[in-house]
Amino acid sequence: MRTVAILGAGDLGATLARLLAEREVARRIVLVDPDEGRARGKALDIMQSGPVDHFDVRVDGCASLDLAGACDLLVVADHPALDQETVSPGRAAEWTRDVASRLGPATLLVARAGAAPLLEAALAHGVPRERALGSAPIAFAAAVSRRIATELQTAARDVAALVLGAPPAHAIVPQGAATVAGVPVERLSPVALRRALEGAARRTAGPFALAAAAAHAAGVLARAHPVVLSVTAVLQGEYGHRGVALAVPARVGAGRVQSVVEIALDPVDRIAFDNTASRRR
C-alpha cells in the first residue's frame, strides 16, 4: 500500500497513524484535519519516533483531502466535522457526498464507532460495496473476548468471538461462535458469554481499541490473500437484507471486501439479527 489518508488528527486518528507507521502498512501516511498545525505537529512527532522504534515511513499532515494527494486507503477517524458519536443519516449523507467525490479508486475504511450511516451514504453516492467497510466490530469482538477470558480465568489470546448485528447495543455472537482454544464457550460455562456481552455493551470502544481494530483491518486489506473478519458492511441480499449496514463476517483482502460470509443462524440468533436490521432501517 502506497498511501493511507486519515481524516482526523485527534486521539483516534493520531493513534492509528502511529500504529500504521510502526507496522509499515503503507509507505506514506497523511493526517488530514482542518487544524493543520495539529495535523502537522502529530505527523512530525510520529515520524521522529521512527528511528527509536525502527520504522521508516513518511508521515505528513495537511488541512484537506485536496492537499493530501492520491491514496489507496481513506480512513474516517475523528474528523471534527463528525463530532458526535452517532451521526444522523442526513448529516452522514451530506458529509459523505463530499468525501465520496474525492475517493477515486481508494477504499473507504470507517474506524470510528457508528459507521453504518456513513457506509450506507457512501454506497448511495456511488462507492462500490467492496470498497467500503467499518472496523469497529473488531474492537467490540476483542472486548467480548477479553471479558470471556476474565469470566473463565484464561488467557485472552486463547479466546475468539465472531460478532454480528449492531454492536455495542445490539450485538449478536451466534451459537458456537465464541471459543476458548477452539472449544465453544457454551460448553465451558452457561453464563460467561451472556455476561461478557452485557459488560461489553455498556461501554463504547475508546480510541486506542478502535485504532488497533482499524490498523488490523488496514493490514489485512494490504494482504493479497483474504482473511475473515467481523466488519461493518452494507448487505446486498446476504442474510435476506439489502441496503443496510451491519456487522457481519466478511472475506477481506487485496484492498477490498471480497465477499460477505453467510453463516447458519439458529432461530433465536436469526430473529435478533432480523430485528437489528429492521431498527437500522
Protein backbone atom coordinates (compact mmCIF):
# COMPACT_ATOMS: atom_id res chain seq x y z
CA MET A 1 0.00 0.00 0.00
CA ARG A 2 1.45 3.35 -1.01
CA THR A 3 -0.58 5.97 0.88
CA VAL A 4 -3.13 5.94 3.70
CA ALA A 5 -5.03 9.18 4.41
CA ILE A 6 -6.64 9.52 7.85
CA LEU A 7 -9.46 12.02 8.38
CA GLY A 8 -8.96 13.47 11.85
CA ALA A 9 -5.84 14.07 13.93
CA GLY A 10 -7.41 13.56 17.36
CA ASP A 11 -6.69 10.66 19.69
CA LEU A 12 -8.11 8.07 17.29
CA GLY A 13 -6.50 9.41 14.11
CA ALA A 14 -3.10 10.02 15.65
CA THR A 15 -3.01 6.63 17.41
CA LEU A 16 -3.96 4.91 14.16
CA ALA A 17 -1.28 6.81 12.24
CA ARG A 18 1.30 5.71 14.82
CA LEU A 19 0.24 2.04 14.58
CA LEU A 20 0.25 2.03 10.78
CA ALA A 21 3.66 3.68 10.68
CA GLU A 22 5.10 1.28 13.25
CA ARG A 23 3.82 -1.71 11.25
CA GLU A 24 4.87 -0.10 7.93
CA VAL A 25 1.48 -0.87 6.40
CA ALA A 26 2.00 1.95 3.89
CA ARG A 27 4.91 3.98 2.56
CA ARG A 28 3.17 7.27 3.37
CA ILE A 29 0.53 8.24 5.94
CA VAL A 30 -1.30 11.57 5.86
CA LEU A 31 -3.24 13.05 8.77
CA VAL A 32 -5.98 15.33 7.43
CA ASP A 33 -7.52 17.81 9.85
CA PRO A 34 -8.85 21.39 9.50
CA ASP A 35 -6.45 22.25 12.32
CA GLU A 36 -3.41 21.95 10.08
CA GLY A 37 -0.99 22.80 12.89
CA ARG A 38 -2.23 19.89 14.95
CA ALA A 39 -2.07 17.50 11.99
CA ARG A 40 1.46 18.56 11.03
CA GLY A 41 2.68 18.51 14.63
CA LYS A 42 1.44 15.00 15.32
CA ALA A 43 2.75 13.78 11.97
CA LEU A 44 6.21 15.14 12.75
CA ASP A 45 6.15 13.63 16.23
CA ILE A 46 5.28 10.19 14.84
CA MET A 47 7.90 10.38 12.11
CA GLN A 48 10.62 11.42 14.56
CA SER A 49 9.87 8.36 16.68
CA GLY A 50 10.76 6.13 13.71
CA PRO A 51 14.50 5.85 14.41
CA VAL A 52 13.71 4.82 18.00
CA ASP A 53 11.27 2.07 17.05
CA HIS A 54 12.97 1.15 13.76
CA PHE A 55 10.35 2.07 11.19
CA ASP A 56 10.82 4.27 8.15
CA VAL A 57 7.50 5.69 6.93
CA ARG A 58 6.77 9.21 5.74
CA VAL A 59 4.04 10.86 7.84
CA ASP A 60 2.52 14.16 6.70
CA GLY A 61 -0.21 16.47 7.94
CA CYS A 62 -2.50 18.77 5.97
CA ALA A 63 -5.80 20.61 6.22
CA SER A 64 -7.85 18.96 3.46
CA LEU A 65 -8.13 15.91 1.24
CA ASP A 66 -7.32 18.05 -1.78
CA LEU A 67 -3.87 18.65 -0.28
CA ALA A 68 -3.35 15.02 0.75
CA GLY A 69 -2.94 13.70 -2.79
CA ALA A 70 -3.95 10.29 -4.10
CA CYS A 71 -4.33 7.49 -1.58
CA ASP A 72 -5.03 3.76 -1.59
CA LEU A 73 -6.95 3.77 1.68
CA LEU A 74 -9.02 6.60 3.18
CA VAL A 75 -9.80 6.16 6.87
CA VAL A 76 -12.56 8.08 8.66
CA ALA A 77 -11.33 8.60 12.22
CA ASP A 78 -12.16 11.62 14.40
CA HIS A 79 -12.56 14.42 11.89
CA PRO A 80 -14.15 17.49 13.57
CA ALA A 81 -16.98 17.50 11.04
CA LEU A 82 -18.19 14.30 12.73
CA ASP A 83 -18.01 15.48 16.31
CA GLN A 84 -20.96 13.42 17.51
CA GLU A 85 -20.63 9.71 18.24
CA THR A 86 -23.87 8.92 16.42
CA VAL A 87 -24.12 10.69 13.07
CA SER A 88 -27.62 11.34 11.72
CA PRO A 89 -28.43 9.93 8.26
CA GLY A 90 -28.86 13.45 6.88
CA ARG A 91 -25.51 14.65 8.21
CA ALA A 92 -23.85 11.43 7.03
CA ALA A 93 -25.23 11.88 3.52
CA GLU A 94 -24.09 15.50 3.31
CA TRP A 95 -20.57 14.85 4.58
CA THR A 96 -20.06 11.56 2.72
CA ARG A 97 -21.09 13.08 -0.61
CA ASP A 98 -18.03 15.31 -0.47
CA VAL A 99 -15.71 12.50 0.65
CA ALA A 100 -17.03 10.08 -2.00
CA SER A 101 -16.37 12.62 -4.75
CA ARG A 102 -12.69 12.67 -3.74
CA LEU A 103 -12.28 8.94 -3.06
CA GLY A 104 -11.25 7.88 -6.56
CA PRO A 105 -10.13 4.23 -6.62
CA ALA A 106 -9.30 4.19 -2.88
CA THR A 107 -11.05 2.01 -0.31
CA LEU A 108 -13.05 3.72 2.45
CA LEU A 109 -12.47 2.38 5.97
CA VAL A 110 -14.53 3.85 8.82
CA ALA A 111 -12.54 3.45 12.05
CA ARG A 112 -14.92 5.36 14.32
CA ALA A 113 -17.91 3.81 16.05
CA GLY A 114 -21.28 4.28 14.37
CA ALA A 115 -20.06 3.54 10.84
CA ALA A 116 -23.39 2.36 9.43
CA PRO A 117 -24.88 5.69 8.24
CA LEU A 118 -21.57 6.73 6.68
CA LEU A 119 -21.24 3.45 4.77
CA GLU A 120 -24.86 3.49 3.60
CA ALA A 121 -24.42 7.07 2.41
CA ALA A 122 -21.17 6.17 0.65
CA LEU A 123 -22.94 3.49 -1.39
CA ALA A 124 -25.75 5.90 -2.19
CA HIS A 125 -23.11 8.22 -3.67
CA GLY A 126 -21.61 5.54 -5.88
CA VAL A 127 -18.90 3.92 -3.76
CA PRO A 128 -18.89 0.16 -4.52
CA ARG A 129 -19.76 -2.12 -1.59
CA GLU A 130 -16.43 -3.91 -1.89
CA ARG A 131 -14.60 -0.63 -1.21
CA ALA A 132 -16.45 0.46 1.95
CA LEU A 133 -16.24 -1.12 5.39
CA GLY A 134 -16.10 -0.34 9.11
CA SER A 135 -13.63 -1.84 11.56
CA ALA A 136 -15.28 -1.11 14.95
CA PRO A 137 -16.78 -4.66 15.22
CA ILE A 138 -13.20 -5.95 15.53
CA ALA A 139 -12.75 -3.80 18.63
CA PHE A 140 -16.07 -4.96 20.07
CA ALA A 141 -15.21 -8.61 19.43
CA ALA A 142 -11.92 -8.05 21.25
CA ALA A 143 -13.78 -6.52 24.21
CA VAL A 144 -16.08 -9.54 24.37
CA SER A 145 -13.09 -11.89 24.16
CA ARG A 146 -11.35 -10.06 26.99
CA ARG A 147 -14.43 -10.31 29.21
CA ILE A 148 -14.89 -14.01 28.40
CA ALA A 149 -11.27 -14.59 29.38
CA THR A 150 -11.91 -12.85 32.70
CA GLU A 151 -15.06 -14.90 33.32
CA LEU A 152 -13.28 -18.18 32.59
CA GLN A 153 -9.93 -17.18 34.09
CA THR A 154 -8.00 -17.93 30.93
CA ALA A 155 -5.69 -16.02 28.56
CA ALA A 156 -7.43 -13.54 26.29
CA ARG A 157 -5.26 -14.64 23.36
CA ASP A 158 -6.95 -18.07 23.52
CA VAL A 159 -10.43 -16.58 23.10
CA ALA A 160 -12.07 -15.76 19.77
CA ALA A 161 -15.51 -14.30 19.12
CA LEU A 162 -17.46 -13.59 15.93
CA VAL A 163 -19.79 -10.59 16.16
CA LEU A 164 -22.84 -9.77 14.06
CA GLY A 165 -25.54 -7.11 14.26
CA ALA A 166 -25.04 -3.57 15.52
CA PRO A 167 -22.62 -3.53 18.44
CA PRO A 168 -22.42 -2.46 21.16
CA ALA A 169 -26.14 -2.24 21.99
CA HIS A 170 -27.42 -4.85 19.53
CA ALA A 171 -24.53 -7.28 19.17
CA ILE A 172 -25.04 -10.94 18.37
CA VAL A 173 -22.48 -13.68 18.95
CA PRO A 174 -24.04 -16.72 17.24
CA GLN A 175 -24.29 -20.07 18.96
CA GLY A 176 -20.83 -21.66 18.96
CA ALA A 177 -19.13 -18.56 17.54
CA ALA A 178 -17.21 -17.73 20.74
CA THR A 179 -14.49 -20.23 21.57
CA VAL A 180 -11.65 -20.81 24.01
CA ALA A 181 -8.82 -22.73 22.35
CA GLY A 182 -11.38 -23.98 19.83
CA VAL A 183 -13.93 -25.11 22.45
CA PRO A 184 -17.31 -23.32 22.31
CA VAL A 185 -17.77 -21.10 25.37
CA GLU A 186 -21.24 -22.59 25.96
CA ARG A 187 -19.60 -25.91 26.78
CA LEU A 188 -17.43 -24.31 29.44
CA SER A 189 -19.96 -22.01 31.09
CA PRO A 190 -23.68 -21.38 30.62
CA VAL A 191 -23.37 -17.72 31.59
CA ALA A 192 -19.88 -16.48 30.52
CA LEU A 193 -20.90 -15.31 27.04
CA ARG A 194 -24.06 -13.57 28.24
CA ARG A 195 -22.15 -11.73 30.95
CA ALA A 196 -19.39 -10.78 28.53
CA LEU A 197 -21.87 -9.35 26.02
CA GLU A 198 -23.73 -7.42 28.72
CA GLY A 199 -20.49 -5.95 30.04
CA ALA A 200 -19.15 -5.02 26.60
CA ALA A 201 -22.47 -3.43 25.61
CA ARG A 202 -22.25 -0.97 28.48
CA ARG A 203 -19.13 0.70 27.11
CA THR A 204 -18.34 2.11 23.68
CA ALA A 205 -14.85 1.27 22.47
CA GLY A 206 -12.29 4.00 23.09
CA PRO A 207 -9.75 5.49 20.67
CA PHE A 208 -6.96 3.00 21.39
CA ALA A 209 -9.18 -0.04 20.83
CA LEU A 210 -10.73 1.49 17.71
CA ALA A 211 -7.29 2.42 16.36
CA ALA A 212 -6.00 -1.11 16.97
CA ALA A 213 -9.02 -2.54 15.15
CA ALA A 214 -8.58 -0.18 12.18
CA ALA A 215 -4.85 -0.91 12.00
CA HIS A 216 -5.60 -4.63 11.91
CA ALA A 217 -8.18 -4.14 9.15
CA ALA A 218 -5.76 -1.97 7.15
CA GLY A 219 -3.07 -4.62 7.46
CA VAL A 220 -5.47 -7.27 6.21
CA LEU A 221 -6.55 -5.04 3.31
CA ALA A 222 -2.89 -4.76 2.32
CA ARG A 223 -2.53 -8.54 2.03
CA ALA A 224 -3.02 -10.43 -1.20
CA HIS A 225 -4.97 -13.30 0.39
CA PRO A 226 -8.27 -12.74 2.21
CA VAL A 227 -8.90 -13.11 5.93
CA VAL A 228 -12.34 -13.46 7.53
CA LEU A 229 -13.07 -10.52 9.85
CA SER A 230 -16.11 -9.16 11.67
CA VAL A 231 -16.61 -5.82 9.91
CA THR A 232 -19.44 -3.43 9.18
CA ALA A 233 -20.56 -3.82 5.57
CA VAL A 234 -23.64 -2.89 3.57
CA LEU A 235 -25.65 -6.02 2.83
CA GLN A 236 -26.71 -6.66 -0.74
CA GLY A 237 -29.08 -9.57 -0.25
CA GLU A 238 -26.98 -11.52 2.22
CA TYR A 239 -28.91 -12.74 5.28
CA GLY A 240 -32.06 -11.63 3.44
CA HIS A 241 -31.38 -7.90 3.76
CA ARG A 242 -30.36 -5.19 1.33
CA GLY A 243 -29.09 -1.64 1.72
CA VAL A 244 -28.47 -1.84 5.48
CA ALA A 245 -25.00 -1.78 7.09
CA LEU A 246 -24.42 -4.31 9.86
CA ALA A 247 -21.56 -6.18 11.48
CA VAL A 248 -21.04 -9.43 9.58
CA PRO A 249 -18.16 -11.80 8.86
CA ALA A 250 -16.52 -10.95 5.54
CA ARG A 251 -13.55 -12.03 3.48
CA VAL A 252 -11.25 -9.04 3.38
CA GLY A 253 -8.03 -8.72 1.40
CA ALA A 254 -6.37 -7.30 -1.70
CA GLY A 255 -7.72 -3.84 -0.85
CA ARG A 256 -11.40 -4.70 -0.67
CA VAL A 257 -14.27 -6.65 0.85
CA GLN A 258 -14.25 -9.70 -1.35
CA SER A 259 -17.49 -11.19 -0.03
CA VAL A 260 -19.81 -11.29 2.95
CA VAL A 261 -19.76 -14.71 4.63
CA GLU A 262 -23.22 -16.07 5.38
CA ILE A 263 -23.31 -18.44 8.34
CA ALA A 264 -26.25 -20.51 9.52
CA LEU A 265 -28.03 -18.86 12.46
CA ASP A 266 -30.21 -20.67 14.96
CA PRO A 267 -33.79 -19.34 15.26
CA VAL A 268 -33.07 -17.09 18.26
CA ASP A 269 -30.00 -15.50 16.64
CA ARG A 270 -31.88 -15.16 13.34
CA ILE A 271 -34.71 -13.23 14.97
CA ALA A 272 -32.24 -10.98 16.79
CA PHE A 273 -30.36 -10.27 13.55
CA ASP A 274 -33.56 -9.50 11.61
CA ASN A 275 -34.78 -7.21 14.39
CA THR A 276 -31.46 -5.34 14.34
CA ALA A 277 -31.71 -4.90 10.56
CA SER A 278 -35.25 -3.54 10.99
CA ARG A 279 -34.02 -0.99 13.56
CA ARG A 280 -31.34 0.19 11.14
CA ARG A 281 -34.00 0.92 8.55
